[in-house]
Amino acid sequence: MVKQLLLVAALWASLSCWADVEINQATEAELDSIKGLGPSSTARILAARQQGAFKDWDDVMRRVSGVRSASAAKLSAAGLVVNGLPYQPAGEVAKAPQAGASAASK
């Protein structure tokens, strides 16, 4: 029984490191856990967030000094999201899988 509880706890902990961190709701500690964010960048994010929630990644890049396209891509890859969405450079459109695409390729 103890082994099962330890296994469940270990699995839960490992899954939590894959969870996205929502910029509009994250605590200081959660933001600091994102690779590429340190105390000063976290402080800038929290200060900008006091003015209102971020609408999208463009809003983050406008309001937070030091966050530009390249850093937004890295932060997004590390698990940071804005309103549940990862960073997508301007002009790139997320492609939804096409229905029947796998059948057409056979």
N, C-alpha and C. Protein backbone atom coordinates (compact mmCIF):
# COMPACT_ATOMS: atom_id res chain seq x y z
N MET A 1 0.82 -1.19 0.00
CA MET A 1 0.00 0.00 0.00
C MET A 1 0.86 1.25 0.00
N VAL A 2 1.90 1.28 0.82
CA VAL A 2 2.78 2.44 0.90
C VAL A 2 3.50 2.64 -0.44
N LYS A 3 3.91 1.53 -1.04
CA LYS A 3 4.59 1.62 -2.34
C LYS A 3 3.66 2.22 -3.39
N GLN A 4 2.39 1.84 -3.36
CA GLN A 4 1.43 2.37 -4.32
C GLN A 4 1.22 3.87 -4.10
N LEU A 5 1.15 4.28 -2.86
CA LEU A 5 0.98 5.71 -2.58
C LEU A 5 2.19 6.51 -3.03
N LEU A 6 3.37 5.97 -2.80
CA LEU A 6 4.58 6.65 -3.26
C LEU A 6 4.63 6.72 -4.78
N LEU A 7 4.21 5.66 -5.44
CA LEU A 7 4.19 5.65 -6.90
C LEU A 7 3.22 6.70 -7.43
N VAL A 8 2.04 6.77 -6.84
CA VAL A 8 1.05 7.76 -7.27
C VAL A 8 1.58 9.17 -7.03
N ALA A 9 2.20 9.40 -5.89
CA ALA A 9 2.76 10.72 -5.60
C ALA A 9 3.86 11.08 -6.59
N ALA A 10 4.71 10.14 -6.92
CA ALA A 10 5.78 10.40 -7.88
C ALA A 10 5.23 10.69 -9.27
N LEU A 11 4.22 9.94 -9.67
CA LEU A 11 3.62 10.18 -10.99
C LEU A 11 2.95 11.55 -11.04
N TRP A 12 2.25 11.90 -9.97
CA TRP A 12 1.59 13.20 -9.94
C TRP A 12 2.61 14.32 -10.00
N ALA A 13 3.70 14.18 -9.28
CA ALA A 13 4.74 15.21 -9.28
C ALA A 13 5.38 15.33 -10.66
N SER A 14 5.59 14.21 -11.33
CA SER A 14 6.21 14.27 -12.65
C SER A 14 5.27 14.89 -13.68
N LEU A 15 3.97 14.66 -13.53
CA LEU A 15 3.01 15.26 -14.45
C LEU A 15 2.87 16.74 -14.22
N SER A 16 3.03 17.18 -12.98
CA SER A 16 2.85 18.60 -12.70
C SER A 16 3.93 19.45 -13.35
N CYS A 17 5.10 18.88 -13.62
CA CYS A 17 6.15 19.67 -14.27
C CYS A 17 5.84 19.87 -15.75
N TRP A 18 4.89 19.11 -16.30
CA TRP A 18 4.49 19.26 -17.70
C TRP A 18 3.30 20.20 -17.84
N ALA A 19 2.72 20.60 -16.74
CA ALA A 19 1.55 21.46 -16.78
C ALA A 19 1.93 22.86 -17.25
N ASP A 20 1.06 23.44 -18.05
CA ASP A 20 1.28 24.81 -18.50
C ASP A 20 1.12 25.78 -17.34
N VAL A 21 1.84 26.87 -17.40
CA VAL A 21 1.74 27.93 -16.40
C VAL A 21 1.05 29.11 -17.07
N GLU A 22 -0.13 29.43 -16.59
CA GLU A 22 -0.92 30.53 -17.13
C GLU A 22 -0.40 31.85 -16.57
N ILE A 23 0.06 32.73 -17.45
CA ILE A 23 0.69 33.98 -17.04
C ILE A 23 -0.26 34.87 -16.24
N ASN A 24 -1.56 34.80 -16.52
CA ASN A 24 -2.52 35.66 -15.84
C ASN A 24 -2.92 35.17 -14.45
N GLN A 25 -2.55 33.95 -14.10
CA GLN A 25 -2.96 33.41 -12.81
C GLN A 25 -1.79 32.87 -11.99
N ALA A 26 -0.62 32.79 -12.58
CA ALA A 26 0.53 32.18 -11.92
C ALA A 26 1.02 33.01 -10.75
N THR A 27 1.48 32.30 -9.74
CA THR A 27 2.11 32.96 -8.60
C THR A 27 3.55 33.32 -8.98
N GLU A 28 4.18 34.08 -8.11
CA GLU A 28 5.58 34.44 -8.33
C GLU A 28 6.44 33.17 -8.43
N ALA A 29 6.20 32.22 -7.55
CA ALA A 29 6.98 30.97 -7.55
C ALA A 29 6.75 30.18 -8.83
N GLU A 30 5.50 30.14 -9.31
CA GLU A 30 5.21 29.41 -10.55
C GLU A 30 5.90 30.07 -11.74
N LEU A 31 5.89 31.40 -11.78
CA LEU A 31 6.58 32.09 -12.87
C LEU A 31 8.08 31.85 -12.79
N ASP A 32 8.63 31.89 -11.58
CA ASP A 32 10.07 31.64 -11.41
C ASP A 32 10.46 30.23 -11.84
N SER A 33 9.51 29.31 -11.83
CA SER A 33 9.81 27.93 -12.21
C SER A 33 9.97 27.76 -13.72
N ILE A 34 9.57 28.76 -14.48
CA ILE A 34 9.70 28.69 -15.93
C ILE A 34 11.14 28.99 -16.32
N LYS A 35 11.73 28.08 -17.09
CA LYS A 35 13.11 28.29 -17.55
C LYS A 35 13.14 29.55 -18.41
N GLY A 36 14.03 30.47 -18.05
CA GLY A 36 14.14 31.73 -18.78
C GLY A 36 13.59 32.91 -18.01
N LEU A 37 12.83 32.63 -16.95
CA LEU A 37 12.33 33.70 -16.10
C LEU A 37 13.08 33.69 -14.78
N GLY A 38 13.55 34.86 -14.40
CA GLY A 38 14.21 35.01 -13.11
C GLY A 38 13.45 36.01 -12.27
N PRO A 39 13.99 36.36 -11.13
CA PRO A 39 13.28 37.28 -10.23
C PRO A 39 12.94 38.63 -10.86
N SER A 40 13.83 39.19 -11.65
CA SER A 40 13.54 40.52 -12.22
C SER A 40 12.48 40.44 -13.31
N SER A 41 12.55 39.44 -14.17
CA SER A 41 11.54 39.32 -15.23
C SER A 41 10.19 38.95 -14.64
N THR A 42 10.19 38.11 -13.61
CA THR A 42 8.95 37.77 -12.93
C THR A 42 8.33 39.02 -12.31
N ALA A 43 9.15 39.86 -11.69
CA ALA A 43 8.65 41.10 -11.10
C ALA A 43 8.04 42.01 -12.17
N ARG A 44 8.66 42.08 -13.35
CA ARG A 44 8.11 42.91 -14.44
C ARG A 44 6.76 42.37 -14.91
N ILE A 45 6.66 41.05 -14.99
CA ILE A 45 5.39 40.44 -15.41
C ILE A 45 4.30 40.74 -14.39
N LEU A 46 4.62 40.54 -13.11
CA LEU A 46 3.62 40.78 -12.06
C LEU A 46 3.21 42.24 -12.00
N ALA A 47 4.15 43.16 -12.19
CA ALA A 47 3.83 44.59 -12.19
C ALA A 47 2.92 44.94 -13.35
N ALA A 48 3.21 44.40 -14.53
CA ALA A 48 2.37 44.68 -15.70
C ALA A 48 0.99 44.05 -15.54
N ARG A 49 0.94 42.90 -14.92
CA ARG A 49 -0.33 42.21 -14.71
C ARG A 49 -1.25 42.95 -13.75
N GLN A 50 -0.67 43.77 -12.86
CA GLN A 50 -1.49 44.56 -11.95
C GLN A 50 -2.33 45.59 -12.71
N GLN A 51 -1.89 45.95 -13.90
CA GLN A 51 -2.64 46.91 -14.73
C GLN A 51 -3.80 46.24 -15.45
N GLY A 52 -3.85 44.92 -15.40
CA GLY A 52 -4.91 44.16 -16.07
C GLY A 52 -4.34 42.89 -16.66
N ALA A 53 -5.22 41.92 -16.89
CA ALA A 53 -4.80 40.64 -17.45
C ALA A 53 -4.25 40.83 -18.87
N PHE A 54 -3.31 39.97 -19.22
CA PHE A 54 -2.77 39.99 -20.58
C PHE A 54 -3.79 39.37 -21.52
N LYS A 55 -3.99 40.01 -22.67
CA LYS A 55 -4.96 39.51 -23.65
C LYS A 55 -4.38 38.40 -24.50
N ASP A 56 -3.12 38.57 -24.89
CA ASP A 56 -2.46 37.60 -25.75
C ASP A 56 -0.95 37.83 -25.67
N TRP A 57 -0.19 37.06 -26.44
CA TRP A 57 1.27 37.19 -26.39
C TRP A 57 1.73 38.57 -26.87
N ASP A 58 1.05 39.14 -27.85
CA ASP A 58 1.42 40.48 -28.31
C ASP A 58 1.28 41.49 -27.18
N ASP A 59 0.24 41.34 -26.38
CA ASP A 59 0.03 42.22 -25.23
C ASP A 59 1.17 42.06 -24.22
N VAL A 60 1.60 40.83 -23.98
CA VAL A 60 2.73 40.58 -23.07
C VAL A 60 3.98 41.27 -23.61
N MET A 61 4.25 41.14 -24.90
CA MET A 61 5.46 41.72 -25.50
C MET A 61 5.41 43.25 -25.49
N ARG A 62 4.22 43.83 -25.56
CA ARG A 62 4.09 45.29 -25.49
C ARG A 62 4.31 45.80 -24.08
N ARG A 63 3.82 45.08 -23.09
CA ARG A 63 3.79 45.59 -21.71
C ARG A 63 4.94 45.14 -20.83
N VAL A 64 5.64 44.07 -21.20
CA VAL A 64 6.72 43.57 -20.35
C VAL A 64 8.06 43.78 -21.04
N SER A 65 8.86 44.66 -20.47
CA SER A 65 10.18 44.95 -21.02
C SER A 65 11.02 43.68 -21.04
N GLY A 66 11.68 43.43 -22.16
CA GLY A 66 12.56 42.28 -22.29
C GLY A 66 11.91 41.06 -22.91
N VAL A 67 10.60 41.07 -23.07
CA VAL A 67 9.93 39.94 -23.71
C VAL A 67 9.64 40.32 -25.16
N ARG A 68 10.34 39.68 -26.04
CA ARG A 68 10.17 39.88 -27.48
C ARG A 68 9.88 38.53 -28.13
N SER A 69 9.81 38.49 -29.41
CA SER A 69 9.41 37.28 -30.14
C SER A 69 10.26 36.07 -29.78
N ALA A 70 11.59 36.23 -29.79
CA ALA A 70 12.48 35.09 -29.51
C ALA A 70 12.31 34.60 -28.07
N SER A 71 12.24 35.53 -27.13
CA SER A 71 12.08 35.12 -25.74
C SER A 71 10.68 34.56 -25.49
N ALA A 72 9.67 35.10 -26.16
CA ALA A 72 8.31 34.57 -26.02
C ALA A 72 8.26 33.12 -26.50
N ALA A 73 8.93 32.84 -27.60
CA ALA A 73 8.96 31.47 -28.11
C ALA A 73 9.63 30.52 -27.11
N LYS A 74 10.72 30.97 -26.50
CA LYS A 74 11.42 30.14 -25.51
C LYS A 74 10.57 29.93 -24.26
N LEU A 75 9.94 31.00 -23.79
CA LEU A 75 9.09 30.89 -22.60
C LEU A 75 7.90 29.98 -22.86
N SER A 76 7.33 30.09 -24.04
CA SER A 76 6.21 29.23 -24.41
C SER A 76 6.65 27.77 -24.47
N ALA A 77 7.82 27.53 -25.05
CA ALA A 77 8.34 26.16 -25.11
C ALA A 77 8.59 25.60 -23.70
N ALA A 78 8.88 26.48 -22.76
CA ALA A 78 9.12 26.06 -21.37
C ALA A 78 7.82 25.87 -20.59
N GLY A 79 6.68 26.20 -21.21
CA GLY A 79 5.39 25.94 -20.58
C GLY A 79 4.55 27.15 -20.22
N LEU A 80 5.00 28.36 -20.56
CA LEU A 80 4.23 29.55 -20.25
C LEU A 80 3.16 29.75 -21.33
N VAL A 81 1.94 30.02 -20.91
CA VAL A 81 0.84 30.26 -21.84
C VAL A 81 0.12 31.54 -21.46
N VAL A 82 -0.54 32.15 -22.44
CA VAL A 82 -1.37 33.33 -22.22
C VAL A 82 -2.79 32.96 -22.63
N ASN A 83 -3.69 32.99 -21.66
CA ASN A 83 -5.07 32.57 -21.89
C ASN A 83 -5.15 31.18 -22.51
N GLY A 84 -4.26 30.31 -22.03
CA GLY A 84 -4.26 28.92 -22.47
C GLY A 84 -3.56 28.65 -23.78
N LEU A 85 -3.01 29.69 -24.41
CA LEU A 85 -2.40 29.52 -25.73
C LEU A 85 -0.89 29.68 -25.70
N PRO A 86 -0.18 28.82 -26.41
CA PRO A 86 1.26 28.99 -26.55
C PRO A 86 1.55 30.14 -27.52
N TYR A 87 2.80 30.57 -27.54
CA TYR A 87 3.18 31.66 -28.44
C TYR A 87 3.17 31.17 -29.89
N GLN A 88 2.63 31.98 -30.76
CA GLN A 88 2.64 31.74 -32.21
C GLN A 88 3.14 33.01 -32.86
N PRO A 89 4.29 32.97 -33.54
CA PRO A 89 4.78 34.18 -34.21
C PRO A 89 3.73 34.73 -35.18
N ALA A 90 3.74 36.05 -35.36
CA ALA A 90 2.80 36.70 -36.28
C ALA A 90 2.92 36.07 -37.66
N GLY A 91 1.79 35.84 -38.28
CA GLY A 91 1.77 35.26 -39.61
C GLY A 91 1.67 33.75 -39.60
N GLU A 92 1.96 33.12 -38.47
CA GLU A 92 1.82 31.67 -38.38
C GLU A 92 0.44 31.36 -37.85
N VAL A 93 -0.23 30.46 -38.51
CA VAL A 93 -1.55 30.05 -38.08
C VAL A 93 -1.46 28.61 -37.62
N ALA A 94 -2.03 28.35 -36.46
CA ALA A 94 -2.05 26.97 -35.96
C ALA A 94 -2.88 26.13 -36.91
N LYS A 95 -2.33 25.03 -37.33
CA LYS A 95 -3.03 24.16 -38.26
C LYS A 95 -3.75 23.06 -37.50
N ALA A 96 -5.06 23.03 -37.69
CA ALA A 96 -5.85 21.96 -37.08
C ALA A 96 -5.74 20.73 -37.96
N PRO A 97 -5.72 19.55 -37.35
CA PRO A 97 -5.67 18.34 -38.16
C PRO A 97 -6.90 18.24 -39.04
N GLN A 98 -6.71 17.83 -40.27
CA GLN A 98 -7.82 17.72 -41.21
C GLN A 98 -8.50 16.38 -41.04
N ALA A 99 -9.81 16.41 -41.07
CA ALA A 99 -10.57 15.16 -40.95
C ALA A 99 -10.30 14.30 -42.17
N GLY A 100 -10.01 13.04 -41.92
CA GLY A 100 -9.76 12.10 -43.01
C GLY A 100 -8.40 12.22 -43.64
N ALA A 101 -7.50 13.03 -43.08
CA ALA A 101 -6.18 13.20 -43.66
C ALA A 101 -5.41 11.91 -43.66
N SER A 102 -5.55 11.10 -42.59
CA SER A 102 -4.81 9.85 -42.55
C SER A 102 -5.37 8.86 -43.55
N ALA A 103 -6.69 8.89 -43.79
CA ALA A 103 -7.29 8.00 -44.76
C ALA A 103 -6.86 8.37 -46.17
N ALA A 104 -6.70 9.66 -46.43
CA ALA A 104 -6.31 10.11 -47.76
C ALA A 104 -4.87 9.73 -48.07
N SER A 105 -4.03 9.60 -47.04
CA SER A 105 -2.64 9.29 -47.29
C SER A 105 -2.40 7.81 -47.48
N LYS A 106 -3.43 6.97 -47.25
CA LYS A 106 -3.28 5.53 -47.39
C LYS A 106 -3.54 5.08 -48.78
